[in-house]
Amino acid sequence: MGILDIFTKPPFEIVKLHMEKVVEGVELMNRCVTAYCDENFTEASKLASRVIIKEREADDLKNIIRESLPKSIFMPVSRGDLLAYIKEQDYIIDRAEEIVLNLEMKKILMPSCIKQSIKNLTNEACSVVKLLPPTLNSLVELFESSFIRRKEEKVHEYISKLDKKEDETACVEQEVMMCIFEWEDKFSCGDLYILIEIVKQLGKMADHAENCGDRIRCMIAKRA
């Protein structure tokens, strides 16, 4: 797809393209974390490079949205609300990039319980992000239907799922932190910093996905 093709697309179609890059980057990050925990550091490094590329591609689309969205354009939501949404959506892949950059700093050997707990947290965080495409699609369907009530209820159902899944991820995040600190004497200060940072970034990724749902909720409320 050429750059001119992107500029001629409706705003929400470009937002969907950006979402695709975000999800692709997050899925690559998940594979990177798995390879790293399995001590396949060469594969992890290759996957990290691909995540960084996806982040740049997402940034390019984010900038296109900002530059091609004139204030006078007629849309079902305000320009400010759409830009606030895309900002949260872009933060997700920023966190994915931060995670793989931390992994690239050092090859850390971990006990199996920490490896598994980090894998579990990564899967949980990714599952929150994977709820975003159907949530966004349901919002577009709502706008296209001129706000049919059952369509609106469908959007709110997805947002509720986002909220619930983020809460579950936060609980797993706490468990992983406790697991790491139980083994803290086995790590150097540098190792400990990197592991804690990875866990925090995974939690933030889920937070930003939930924030996307909150932004969508605000868009609907302003049309009510």
Protein backbone atom coordinates (compact mmCIF):
# COMPACT_ATOMS: atom_id res chain seq x y z
CA MET A 1 0.00 0.00 0.00
CA GLY A 2 1.42 3.37 -1.05
CA ILE A 3 1.52 6.51 1.07
CA LEU A 4 -1.12 8.20 -1.13
CA ASP A 5 -3.46 5.25 -0.64
CA ILE A 6 -3.22 5.73 3.12
CA PHE A 7 -3.90 9.48 2.92
CA THR A 8 -7.11 8.89 0.95
CA LYS A 9 -8.56 6.45 3.49
CA PRO A 10 -11.24 7.53 6.01
CA PRO A 11 -9.76 8.40 9.45
CA PHE A 12 -10.98 5.28 11.25
CA GLU A 13 -9.57 3.06 8.50
CA ILE A 14 -6.12 4.52 9.16
CA VAL A 15 -6.66 4.00 12.89
CA LYS A 16 -7.39 0.34 12.12
CA LEU A 17 -4.18 0.08 10.09
CA HIS A 18 -2.30 1.52 13.05
CA MET A 19 -4.00 -1.01 15.31
CA GLU A 20 -2.82 -3.84 13.05
CA LYS A 21 0.79 -2.68 13.43
CA VAL A 22 0.36 -2.46 17.19
CA VAL A 23 -1.06 -5.99 17.47
CA GLU A 24 1.62 -7.39 15.15
CA GLY A 25 4.33 -5.74 17.24
CA VAL A 26 2.86 -7.02 20.49
CA GLU A 27 2.65 -10.57 19.13
CA LEU A 28 6.31 -10.39 18.09
CA MET A 29 7.19 -9.07 21.54
CA ASN A 30 5.42 -12.06 23.10
CA ARG A 31 7.47 -14.44 20.96
CA CYS A 32 10.62 -12.50 21.87
CA VAL A 33 9.94 -12.83 25.61
CA THR A 34 9.26 -16.56 25.20
CA ALA A 35 12.50 -17.11 23.27
CA TYR A 36 14.43 -15.10 25.87
CA CYS A 37 12.98 -17.07 28.78
CA ASP A 38 13.83 -20.28 26.93
CA GLU A 39 17.42 -18.93 26.69
CA ASN A 40 17.22 -18.80 22.90
CA PHE A 41 18.89 -15.41 22.94
CA THR A 42 19.76 -15.33 19.23
CA GLU A 43 16.11 -15.79 18.23
CA ALA A 44 15.03 -13.28 20.87
CA SER A 45 17.37 -10.68 19.40
CA LYS A 46 16.00 -11.24 15.89
CA LEU A 47 12.43 -10.86 17.14
CA ALA A 48 13.39 -7.73 19.08
CA SER A 49 14.60 -6.14 15.84
CA ARG A 50 11.26 -6.90 14.20
CA VAL A 51 9.37 -5.31 17.11
CA ILE A 52 11.43 -2.14 16.70
CA ILE A 53 10.55 -2.05 12.99
CA LYS A 54 6.84 -2.45 13.77
CA GLU A 55 7.05 0.40 16.28
CA ARG A 56 8.52 2.68 13.61
CA GLU A 57 5.81 1.67 11.14
CA ALA A 58 3.15 2.41 13.76
CA ASP A 59 4.77 5.79 14.46
CA ASP A 60 4.64 6.62 10.75
CA LEU A 61 0.91 5.86 10.66
CA LYS A 62 0.33 7.85 13.85
CA ASN A 63 2.01 10.87 12.26
CA ILE A 64 -0.05 10.44 9.07
CA ILE A 65 -3.22 10.48 11.15
CA ARG A 66 -2.14 13.65 12.95
CA GLU A 67 -1.11 15.42 9.75
CA SER A 68 -4.04 14.34 7.57
CA LEU A 69 -6.84 15.09 10.02
CA PRO A 70 -7.98 18.67 9.34
CA LYS A 71 -9.99 20.37 12.06
CA SER A 72 -12.88 21.00 9.69
CA ILE A 73 -13.42 17.37 8.64
CA PHE A 74 -16.82 15.89 9.45
CA MET A 75 -16.48 12.87 11.71
CA PRO A 76 -18.70 11.09 14.23
CA VAL A 77 -16.19 12.07 16.96
CA SER A 78 -14.09 15.16 17.60
CA ARG A 79 -10.56 15.43 16.23
CA GLY A 80 -9.23 15.78 19.77
CA ASP A 81 -10.95 12.60 20.97
CA LEU A 82 -9.63 10.60 18.03
CA LEU A 83 -6.08 11.88 18.57
CA ALA A 84 -6.33 11.10 22.30
CA TYR A 85 -7.37 7.55 21.41
CA ILE A 86 -4.55 7.03 18.90
CA LYS A 87 -2.06 8.32 21.47
CA GLU A 88 -3.07 5.58 23.93
CA GLN A 89 -3.06 2.98 21.17
CA ASP A 90 0.45 4.00 20.15
CA TYR A 91 1.68 3.81 23.75
CA ILE A 92 1.00 0.06 23.62
CA ILE A 93 3.63 -0.65 20.98
CA ASP A 94 5.97 1.85 22.67
CA ARG A 95 5.82 -0.37 25.75
CA ALA A 96 6.46 -3.46 23.60
CA GLU A 97 9.57 -1.78 22.21
CA GLU A 98 10.74 -0.84 25.73
CA ILE A 99 10.39 -4.48 26.79
CA VAL A 100 12.52 -5.87 23.97
CA LEU A 101 15.12 -3.12 24.40
CA ASN A 102 15.45 -4.13 28.05
CA LEU A 103 15.84 -7.76 27.02
CA GLU A 104 18.62 -6.74 24.61
CA MET A 105 20.63 -5.18 27.44
CA LYS A 106 21.76 -8.44 29.01
CA LYS A 107 21.34 -12.21 28.84
CA ILE A 108 19.82 -13.10 32.21
CA LEU A 109 19.59 -16.69 33.38
CA MET A 110 16.49 -17.19 35.52
CA PRO A 111 15.03 -20.01 37.61
CA SER A 112 12.20 -21.86 35.89
CA CYS A 113 9.52 -20.41 38.18
CA ILE A 114 10.39 -16.83 37.18
CA LYS A 115 10.63 -17.78 33.51
CA GLN A 116 7.14 -19.25 33.61
CA SER A 117 5.68 -16.37 35.60
CA ILE A 118 7.04 -13.80 33.12
CA LYS A 119 5.67 -15.86 30.21
CA ASN A 120 2.28 -15.96 31.94
CA LEU A 121 2.26 -12.21 32.52
CA THR A 122 3.25 -11.56 28.91
CA ASN A 123 0.38 -13.73 27.68
CA GLU A 124 -2.04 -11.91 30.01
CA ALA A 125 -0.92 -8.47 28.83
CA CYS A 126 -1.14 -9.55 25.19
CA SER A 127 -4.64 -10.92 25.74
CA VAL A 128 -5.77 -7.45 26.85
CA VAL A 129 -4.34 -5.93 23.67
CA LYS A 130 -6.02 -8.57 21.50
CA LEU A 131 -9.41 -7.36 22.76
CA LEU A 132 -8.84 -3.95 21.18
CA PRO A 133 -9.43 -4.77 17.48
CA PRO A 134 -12.96 -6.15 18.03
CA THR A 135 -13.66 -3.25 20.40
CA LEU A 136 -12.60 -0.68 17.80
CA ASN A 137 -14.49 -2.51 15.05
CA SER A 138 -17.65 -2.52 17.16
CA LEU A 139 -17.28 1.24 17.66
CA VAL A 140 -17.07 1.80 13.90
CA GLU A 141 -20.13 -0.41 13.41
CA LEU A 142 -21.95 1.69 16.00
CA PHE A 143 -21.19 4.90 14.14
CA GLU A 144 -22.20 3.36 10.82
CA SER A 145 -25.51 2.20 12.32
CA SER A 146 -26.38 5.71 13.57
CA PHE A 147 -26.22 4.45 17.16
CA ILE A 148 -28.52 1.44 17.21
CA ARG A 149 -28.86 0.48 20.87
CA ARG A 150 -27.79 -3.15 20.48
CA LYS A 151 -24.65 -2.00 18.68
CA GLU A 152 -23.84 0.35 21.56
CA GLU A 153 -24.36 -2.46 24.07
CA LYS A 154 -21.90 -4.58 22.10
CA VAL A 155 -19.20 -1.90 22.40
CA HIS A 156 -19.75 -1.62 26.15
CA GLU A 157 -19.50 -5.39 26.48
CA TYR A 158 -16.05 -5.31 24.88
CA ILE A 159 -14.99 -2.41 27.11
CA SER A 160 -16.09 -4.38 30.17
CA LYS A 161 -14.00 -7.32 28.97
CA LEU A 162 -11.00 -4.97 28.64
CA ASP A 163 -11.50 -3.70 32.18
CA LYS A 164 -11.82 -7.21 33.61
CA LYS A 165 -8.82 -8.56 31.72
CA GLU A 166 -6.65 -5.63 32.79
CA ASP A 167 -7.60 -6.27 36.42
CA GLU A 168 -6.57 -9.92 36.04
CA THR A 169 -3.28 -8.85 34.45
CA ALA A 170 -2.59 -6.48 37.35
CA CYS A 171 -3.01 -9.39 39.79
CA VAL A 172 -0.58 -11.53 37.78
CA GLU A 173 1.86 -8.61 37.66
CA GLN A 174 1.86 -8.45 41.46
CA GLU A 175 2.48 -12.19 41.69
CA VAL A 176 5.44 -11.97 39.31
CA MET A 177 6.96 -9.12 41.32
CA MET A 178 6.69 -11.18 44.50
CA CYS A 179 8.30 -14.14 42.75
CA ILE A 180 11.22 -12.01 41.55
CA PHE A 181 11.86 -10.58 45.02
CA GLU A 182 11.82 -14.05 46.53
CA TRP A 183 14.85 -14.76 44.34
CA GLU A 184 16.45 -11.30 44.50
CA ASP A 185 19.64 -12.55 46.17
CA LYS A 186 20.27 -14.70 43.07
CA PHE A 187 20.46 -11.66 40.77
CA SER A 188 22.82 -8.75 40.37
CA CYS A 189 21.40 -5.25 40.82
CA GLY A 190 21.44 -4.83 37.04
CA ASP A 191 19.58 -8.09 36.47
CA LEU A 192 17.00 -7.17 39.07
CA TYR A 193 16.45 -3.74 37.52
CA ILE A 194 15.89 -5.20 34.05
CA LEU A 195 13.45 -7.86 35.25
CA ILE A 196 11.43 -5.36 37.29
CA GLU A 197 11.35 -2.94 34.38
CA ILE A 198 10.06 -5.64 32.03
CA VAL A 199 7.28 -6.55 34.46
CA LYS A 200 6.32 -2.88 34.89
CA GLN A 201 6.23 -2.29 31.13
CA LEU A 202 4.00 -5.33 30.64
CA GLY A 203 1.61 -3.89 33.23
CA LYS A 204 1.67 -0.51 31.52
CA MET A 205 0.89 -2.16 28.18
CA ALA A 206 -2.30 -3.61 29.66
CA ASP A 207 -3.08 -0.23 31.25
CA HIS A 208 -2.87 1.55 27.91
CA ALA A 209 -5.12 -1.04 26.29
CA GLU A 210 -7.68 -0.42 29.02
CA ASN A 211 -7.24 3.34 28.52
CA CYS A 212 -8.16 2.85 24.86
CA GLY A 213 -11.43 1.36 26.06
CA ASP A 214 -11.96 4.38 28.32
CA ARG A 215 -11.39 6.71 25.35
CA ILE A 216 -13.96 4.80 23.34
CA ARG A 217 -16.40 5.03 26.26
CA CYS A 218 -15.92 8.83 26.27
CA MET A 219 -16.56 9.05 22.51
CA ILE A 220 -19.87 7.23 22.95
CA ALA A 221 -20.87 9.33 25.98
CA LYS A 222 -20.37 12.57 24.04
CA ARG A 223 -22.74 11.31 21.34
CA ALA A 224 -25.42 10.30 23.83
